[in-house]
PDB file of N, CA and C in Angstrom:
ATOM      1  N   UNK A   1     156.691 -69.945 -67.538  1.00  0.00           N
ATOM      2  CA  UNK A   1     156.109 -71.009 -68.320  1.00  0.00           C
ATOM      3  C   UNK A   1     154.773 -70.599 -68.933  1.00  0.00           C
ATOM      4  N   UNK A   2     154.001 -69.818 -68.196  1.00  0.00           N
ATOM      5  CA  UNK A   2     152.708 -69.405 -68.700  1.00  0.00           C
ATOM      6  C   UNK A   2     152.814 -68.575 -69.965  1.00  0.00           C
ATOM      7  N   UNK A   3     153.792 -67.673 -70.008  1.00  0.00           N
ATOM      8  CA  UNK A   3     153.948 -66.817 -71.180  1.00  0.00           C
ATOM      9  C   UNK A   3     154.326 -67.627 -72.407  1.00  0.00           C
ATOM     10  N   UNK A   4     155.188 -68.610 -72.223  1.00  0.00           N
ATOM     11  CA  UNK A   4     155.588 -69.454 -73.345  1.00  0.00           C
ATOM     12  C   UNK A   4     154.382 -70.229 -73.872  1.00  0.00           C
ATOM     13  N   UNK A   5     153.535 -70.670 -73.008  1.00  0.00           N
ATOM     14  CA  UNK A   5     152.356 -71.429 -73.412  1.00  0.00           C
ATOM     15  C   UNK A   5     151.371 -70.546 -74.171  1.00  0.00           C
ATOM     16  N   UNK A   6     151.190 -69.315 -73.714  1.00  0.00           N
ATOM     17  CA  UNK A   6     150.204 -68.430 -74.327  1.00  0.00           C
ATOM     18  C   UNK A   6     150.756 -67.579 -75.469  1.00  0.00           C
ATOM     19  N   UNK A   7     152.038 -67.526 -75.638  1.00  0.00           N
ATOM     20  CA  UNK A   7     152.649 -66.683 -76.665  1.00  0.00           C
ATOM     21  C   UNK A   7     152.095 -66.979 -78.067  1.00  0.00           C
ATOM     22  N   UNK A   8     152.010 -68.232 -78.485  1.00  0.00           N
ATOM     23  CA  UNK A   8     151.456 -68.482 -79.825  1.00  0.00           C
ATOM     24  C   UNK A   8     150.003 -68.021 -79.951  1.00  0.00           C
ATOM     25  N   UNK A   9     149.245 -68.208 -78.911  1.00  0.00           N
ATOM     26  CA  UNK A   9     147.837 -67.800 -78.932  1.00  0.00           C
ATOM     27  C   UNK A   9     147.759 -66.269 -79.021  1.00  0.00           C
ATOM     28  N   UNK A  10     148.570 -65.586 -78.238  1.00  0.00           N
ATOM     29  CA  UNK A  10     148.593 -64.122 -78.255  1.00  0.00           C
ATOM     30  C   UNK A  10     149.021 -63.634 -79.633  1.00  0.00           C
ATOM     31  N   UNK A  11     150.038 -64.282 -80.201  1.00  0.00           N
ATOM     32  CA  UNK A  11     150.528 -63.884 -81.518  1.00  0.00           C
ATOM     33  C   UNK A  11     149.438 -64.046 -82.579  1.00  0.00           C
ATOM     34  N   UNK A  12     148.768 -65.177 -82.551  1.00  0.00           N
ATOM     35  CA  UNK A  12     147.694 -65.429 -83.525  1.00  0.00           C
ATOM     36  C   UNK A  12     146.557 -64.415 -83.345  1.00  0.00           C
ATOM     37  N   UNK A  13     146.172 -64.166 -82.107  1.00  0.00           N
ATOM     38  CA  UNK A  13     145.100 -63.209 -81.846  1.00  0.00           C
ATOM     39  C   UNK A  13     145.511 -61.813 -82.308  1.00  0.00           C
ATOM     40  N   UNK A  14     146.735 -61.438 -82.021  1.00  0.00           N
ATOM     41  CA  UNK A  14     147.228 -60.122 -82.430  1.00  0.00           C
ATOM     42  C   UNK A  14     147.255 -60.004 -83.955  1.00  0.00           C
ATOM     43  N   UNK A  15     147.713 -61.047 -84.620  1.00  0.00           N
ATOM     44  CA  UNK A  15     147.757 -61.048 -86.091  1.00  0.00           C
ATOM     45  C   UNK A  15     146.358 -60.942 -86.674  1.00  0.00           C
ATOM     46  N   UNK A  16     145.426 -61.690 -86.103  1.00  0.00           N
ATOM     47  CA  UNK A  16     144.048 -61.651 -86.593  1.00  0.00           C
ATOM     48  C   UNK A  16     143.448 -60.263 -86.394  1.00  0.00           C
ATOM     49  N   UNK A  17     143.716 -59.682 -85.252  1.00  0.00           N
ATOM     50  CA  UNK A  17     143.199 -58.344 -84.961  1.00  0.00           C
ATOM     51  C   UNK A  17     143.792 -57.329 -85.943  1.00  0.00           C
ATOM     52  N   UNK A  18     145.079 -57.401 -86.180  1.00  0.00           N
ATOM     53  CA  UNK A  18     145.728 -56.481 -87.113  1.00  0.00           C
ATOM     54  C   UNK A  18     145.168 -56.672 -88.526  1.00  0.00           C
ATOM     55  N   UNK A  19     144.920 -57.908 -88.892  1.00  0.00           N
ATOM     56  CA  UNK A  19     144.368 -58.191 -90.216  1.00  0.00           C
ATOM     57  C   UNK A  19     142.965 -57.595 -90.352  1.00  0.00           C
ATOM     58  N   UNK A  20     142.151 -57.765 -89.331  1.00  0.00           N
ATOM     59  CA  UNK A  20     140.799 -57.186 -89.359  1.00  0.00           C
ATOM     60  C   UNK A  20     140.866 -55.663 -89.424  1.00  0.00           C
ATOM     61  N   UNK A  21     141.793 -55.094 -88.697  1.00  0.00           N
ATOM     62  CA  UNK A  21     141.947 -53.648 -88.692  1.00  0.00           C
ATOM     63  C   UNK A  21     142.334 -53.142 -90.087  1.00  0.00           C
ATOM     64  N   UNK A  22     143.265 -53.829 -90.741  1.00  0.00           N
ATOM     65  CA  UNK A  22     143.657 -53.445 -92.101  1.00  0.00           C
ATOM     66  C   UNK A  22     142.477 -53.590 -93.060  1.00  0.00           C
ATOM     67  N   UNK A  23     141.705 -54.645 -92.930  1.00  0.00           N
ATOM     68  CA  UNK A  23     140.546 -54.869 -93.799  1.00  0.00           C
ATOM     69  C   UNK A  23     139.494 -53.772 -93.593  1.00  0.00           C
ATOM     70  N   UNK A  24     139.258 -53.382 -92.347  1.00  0.00           N
ATOM     71  CA  UNK A  24     138.308 -52.288 -92.085  1.00  0.00           C
ATOM     72  C   UNK A  24     138.794 -50.988 -92.711  1.00  0.00           C
ATOM     73  N   UNK A  25     140.090 -50.731 -92.609  1.00  0.00           N
ATOM     74  CA  UNK A  25     140.643 -49.517 -93.207  1.00  0.00           C
ATOM     75  C   UNK A  25     140.497 -49.542 -94.729  1.00  0.00           C
ATOM     76  N   UNK A  26     140.740 -50.686 -95.342  1.00  0.00           N
ATOM     77  CA  UNK A  26     140.557 -50.797 -96.800  1.00  0.00           C
ATOM     78  C   UNK A  26     139.099 -50.559 -97.173  1.00  0.00           C
ATOM     79  N   UNK A  27     138.184 -51.100 -96.388  1.00  0.00           N
ATOM     80  CA  UNK A  27     136.757 -50.917 -96.654  1.00  0.00           C
ATOM     81  C   UNK A  27     136.376 -49.439 -96.519  1.00  0.00           C
ATOM     82  N   UNK A  28     136.906 -48.772 -95.493  1.00  0.00           N
ATOM     83  CA  UNK A  28     136.638 -47.338 -95.342  1.00  0.00           C
ATOM     84  C   UNK A  28     137.173 -46.560 -96.537  1.00  0.00           C
ATOM     85  N   UNK A  29     138.354 -46.927 -96.995  1.00  0.00           N
ATOM     86  CA  UNK A  29     138.947 -46.256 -98.155  1.00  0.00           C
ATOM     87  C   UNK A  29     138.086 -46.478 -99.404  1.00  0.00           C
ATOM     88  N   UNK A  30     137.588 -47.696 -99.592  1.00  0.00           N
ATOM     89  CA  UNK A  30     136.699 -47.964-100.739  1.00  0.00           C
ATOM     90  C   UNK A  30     135.422 -47.136-100.631  1.00  0.00           C
ATOM     91  N   UNK A  31     134.886 -47.023 -99.429  1.00  0.00           N
ATOM     92  CA  UNK A  31     133.664 -46.240 -99.214  1.00  0.00           C
ATOM     93  C   UNK A  31     133.932 -44.761 -99.508  1.00  0.00           C
ATOM     94  N   UNK A  32     135.059 -44.242 -99.048  1.00  0.00           N
ATOM     95  CA  UNK A  32     135.399 -42.843 -99.347  1.00  0.00           C
ATOM     96  C   UNK A  32     135.537 -42.635-100.854  1.00  0.00           C
ATOM     97  N   UNK A  33     136.140 -43.599-101.531  1.00  0.00           N
ATOM     98  CA  UNK A  33     136.307 -43.505-102.986  1.00  0.00           C
ATOM     99  C   UNK A  33     134.938 -43.505-103.687  1.00  0.00           C
ATOM    100  N   UNK A  34     134.031 -44.386-103.235  1.00  0.00           N
ATOM    101  CA  UNK A  34     132.683 -44.409-103.824  1.00  0.00           C
ATOM    102  C   UNK A  34     131.971 -43.078-103.600  1.00  0.00           C
ATOM    103  N   UNK A  35     132.091 -42.532-102.385  1.00  0.00           N
ATOM    104  CA  UNK A  35     131.444 -41.260-102.092  1.00  0.00           C
ATOM    105  C   UNK A  35     132.025 -40.137-102.950  1.00  0.00           C
ATOM    106  N   UNK A  36     133.349 -40.147-103.122  1.00  0.00           N
ATOM    107  CA  UNK A  36     134.005 -39.130-103.942  1.00  0.00           C
ATOM    108  C   UNK A  36     133.523 -39.224-105.391  1.00  0.00           C
ATOM    109  N   UNK A  37     133.465 -40.447-105.928  1.00  0.00           N
ATOM    110  CA  UNK A  37     132.987 -40.637-107.297  1.00  0.00           C
ATOM    111  C   UNK A  37     131.541 -40.194-107.440  1.00  0.00           C
ATOM    112  N   UNK A  38     130.732 -40.486-106.417  1.00  0.00           N
ATOM    113  CA  UNK A  38     129.324 -40.091-106.452  1.00  0.00           C
ATOM    114  C   UNK A  38     129.199 -38.565-106.436  1.00  0.00           C
ATOM    115  N   UNK A  39     129.994 -37.895-105.595  1.00  0.00           N
ATOM    116  CA  UNK A  39     129.966 -36.431-105.566  1.00  0.00           C
ATOM    117  C   UNK A  39     130.389 -35.849-106.909  1.00  0.00           C
ATOM    118  N   UNK A  40     131.442 -36.394-107.488  1.00  0.00           N
ATOM    119  CA  UNK A  40     131.909 -35.907-108.785  1.00  0.00           C
ATOM    120  C   UNK A  40     130.837 -36.088-109.855  1.00  0.00           C
ATOM    121  N   UNK A  41     130.186 -37.254-109.847  1.00  0.00           N
ATOM    122  CA  UNK A  41     129.130 -37.518-110.824  1.00  0.00           C
ATOM    123  C   UNK A  41     127.967 -36.544-110.634  1.00  0.00           C
ATOM    124  N   UNK A  42     127.583 -36.318-109.364  1.00  0.00           N
ATOM    125  CA  UNK A  42     126.493 -35.383-109.082  1.00  0.00           C
ATOM    126  C   UNK A  42     126.845 -33.972-109.541  1.00  0.00           C
ATOM    127  N   UNK A  43     128.099 -33.559-109.290  1.00  0.00           N
ATOM    128  CA  UNK A  43     128.518 -32.225-109.713  1.00  0.00           C
ATOM    129  C   UNK A  43     128.509 -32.114-111.235  1.00  0.00           C
ATOM    130  N   UNK A  44     128.964 -33.161-111.914  1.00  0.00           N
ATOM    131  CA  UNK A  44     128.962 -33.171-113.380  1.00  0.00           C
ATOM    132  C   UNK A  44     127.534 -33.056-113.906  1.00  0.00           C
ATOM    133  N   UNK A  45     126.630 -33.865-113.339  1.00  0.00           N
ATOM    134  CA  UNK A  45     125.234 -33.839-113.777  1.00  0.00           C
ATOM    135  C   UNK A  45     124.600 -32.480-113.495  1.00  0.00           C
ATOM    136  N   UNK A  46     124.907 -31.910-112.330  1.00  0.00           N
ATOM    137  CA  UNK A  46     124.361 -30.602-111.980  1.00  0.00           C
ATOM    138  C   UNK A  46     124.858 -29.555-112.980  1.00  0.00           C
ATOM    139  N   UNK A  47     126.129 -29.605-113.328  1.00  0.00           N
ATOM    140  CA  UNK A  47     126.689 -28.676-114.310  1.00  0.00           C
ATOM    141  C   UNK A  47     126.019 -28.824-115.668  1.00  0.00           C
ATOM    142  N   UNK A  48     125.778 -30.078-116.077  1.00  0.00           N
ATOM    143  CA  UNK A  48     125.107 -30.313-117.360  1.00  0.00           C
ATOM    144  C   UNK A  48     123.691 -29.744-117.346  1.00  0.00           C
ATOM    145  N   UNK A  49     122.968 -29.954-116.244  1.00  0.00           N
ATOM    146  CA  UNK A  49     121.604 -29.415-116.147  1.00  0.00           C
ATOM    147  C   UNK A  49     121.618 -27.891-116.191  1.00  0.00           C
ATOM    148  N   UNK A  50     122.595 -27.285-115.498  1.00  0.00           N
ATOM    149  CA  UNK A  50     122.677 -25.822-115.519  1.00  0.00           C
ATOM    150  C   UNK A  50     122.970 -25.322-116.926  1.00  0.00           C
ATOM    151  N   UNK A  51     123.871 -25.976-117.640  1.00  0.00           N
ATOM    152  CA  UNK A  51     124.173 -25.568-119.015  1.00  0.00           C
ATOM    153  C   UNK A  51     122.935 -25.701-119.899  1.00  0.00           C
ATOM    154  N   UNK A  52     122.195 -26.795-119.723  1.00  0.00           N
ATOM    155  CA  UNK A  52     120.971 -26.980-120.510  1.00  0.00           C
ATOM    156  C   UNK A  52     119.965 -25.870-120.214  1.00  0.00           C
ATOM    157  N   UNK A  53     119.798 -25.525-118.931  1.00  0.00           N
ATOM    158  CA  UNK A  53     118.868 -24.459-118.559  1.00  0.00           C
ATOM    159  C   UNK A  53     119.305 -23.124-119.157  1.00  0.00           C
ATOM    160  N   UNK A  54     120.606 -22.859-119.088  1.00  0.00           N
ATOM    161  CA  UNK A  54     121.105 -21.602-119.656  1.00  0.00           C
ATOM    162  C   UNK A  54     120.875 -21.565-121.165  1.00  0.00           C
ATOM    163  N   UNK A  55     121.114 -22.692-121.820  1.00  0.00           N
ATOM    164  CA  UNK A  55     120.899 -22.775-123.272  1.00  0.00           C
ATOM    165  C   UNK A  55     119.423 -22.545-123.603  1.00  0.00           C
ATOM    166  N   UNK A  56     118.520 -23.169-122.849  1.00  0.00           N
ATOM    167  CA  UNK A  56     117.085 -22.986-123.076  1.00  0.00           C
ATOM    168  C   UNK A  56     116.684 -21.536-122.844  1.00  0.00           C
ATOM    169  N   UNK A  57     117.224 -20.928-121.782  1.00  0.00           N
ATOM    170  CA  UNK A  57     116.904 -19.534-121.479  1.00  0.00           C
ATOM    171  C   UNK A  57     117.394 -18.628-122.594  1.00  0.00           C
ATOM    172  N   UNK A  58     118.610 -18.867-123.070  1.00  0.00           N
ATOM    173  CA  UNK A  58     119.164 -18.052-124.155  1.00  0.00           C
ATOM    174  C   UNK A  58     118.299 -18.186-125.410  1.00  0.00           C
ATOM    175  N   UNK A  59     117.917 -19.416-125.753  1.00  0.00           N
ATOM    176  CA  UNK A  59     117.059 -19.628-126.928  1.00  0.00           C
ATOM    177  C   UNK A  59     115.708 -18.931-126.765  1.00  0.00           C
ATOM    178  N   UNK A  60     115.134 -19.033-125.565  1.00  0.00           N
ATOM    179  CA  UNK A  60     113.844 -18.399-125.300  1.00  0.00           C
ATOM    180  C   UNK A  60     113.974 -16.881-125.414  1.00  0.00           C
ATOM    181  N   UNK A  61     115.054 -16.325-124.842  1.00  0.00           N
ATOM    182  CA  UNK A  61     115.275 -14.876-124.929  1.00  0.00           C
ATOM    183  C   UNK A  61     115.443 -14.440-126.378  1.00  0.00           C
ATOM    184  N   UNK A  62     116.179 -15.222-127.171  1.00  0.00           N
ATOM    185  CA  UNK A  62     116.374 -14.886-128.587  1.00  0.00           C
ATOM    186  C   UNK A  62     115.043 -14.907-129.332  1.00  0.00           C
ATOM    187  N   UNK A  63     114.197 -15.900-129.044  1.00  0.00           N
ATOM    188  CA  UNK A  63     112.878 -15.974-129.695  1.00  0.00           C
ATOM    189  C   UNK A  63     112.031 -14.772-129.301  1.00  0.00           C
ATOM    190  N   UNK A  64     112.068 -14.413-128.009  1.00  0.00           N
ATOM    191  CA  UNK A  64     111.271 -13.277-127.542  1.00  0.00           C
ATOM    192  C   UNK A  64     111.741 -11.982-128.195  1.00  0.00           C
ATOM    193  N   UNK A  65     113.058 -11.821-128.317  1.00  0.00           N
ATOM    194  CA  UNK A  65     113.578 -10.611-128.988  1.00  0.00           C
ATOM    195  C   UNK A  65     113.162 -10.609-130.452  1.00  0.00           C
ATOM    196  N   UNK A  66     113.196 -11.781-131.067  1.00  0.00           N
ATOM    197  CA  UNK A  66     112.764 -11.889-132.459  1.00  0.00           C
ATOM    198  C   UNK A  66     111.286 -11.529-132.605  1.00  0.00           C
ATOM    199  N   UNK A  67     110.463 -11.983-131.665  1.00  0.00           N
ATOM    200  CA  UNK A  67     109.036 -11.673-131.695  1.00  0.00           C
ATOM    201  C   UNK A  67     108.806 -10.174-131.514  1.00  0.00           C
ATOM    202  N   UNK A  68     109.596  -9.548-130.636  1.00  0.00           N
ATOM    203  CA  UNK A  68     109.446  -8.113-130.404  1.00  0.00           C
ATOM    204  C   UNK A  68     109.822  -7.338-131.659  1.00  0.00           C
ATOM    205  N   UNK A  69     110.854  -7.780-132.370  1.00  0.00           N
ATOM    206  CA  UNK A  69     111.265  -7.104-133.601  1.00  0.00           C
ATOM    207  C   UNK A  69     110.168  -7.214-134.659  1.00  0.00           C
ATOM    208  N   UNK A  70     109.510  -8.367-134.701  1.00  0.00           N
ATOM    209  CA  UNK A  70     108.442  -8.558-135.678  1.00  0.00           C
ATOM    210  C   UNK A  70     107.275  -7.596-135.437  1.00  0.00           C
ATOM    211  N   UNK A  71     107.057  -7.204-134.184  1.00  0.00           N
ATOM    212  CA  UNK A  71     105.955  -6.306-133.866  1.00  0.00           C
ATOM    213  C   UNK A  71     106.227  -4.891-134.354  1.00  0.00           C
ATOM    214  N   UNK A  72     107.484  -4.503-134.478  1.00  0.00           N
ATOM    215  CA  UNK A  72     107.806  -3.122-134.876  1.00  0.00           C
ATOM    216  C   UNK A  72     108.019  -2.979-136.316  1.00  0.00           C
TER     217      UNK A  72
END
């Protein structure tokens, strides 16, 4: 008799627990997705900065070579 009385309560508690567990997993997945997007954005920005630095260095080197040619 005790099991029959508590069965609905156990079922509801189990369902609620499973629901919370699924919600936590979804939240973790969203957090992983945000972190992945943030890493990708950081890598993209880092690549852009490196390209800009390389472009500036190349321009500076070209100017310096031009200046050296003018001296001769």
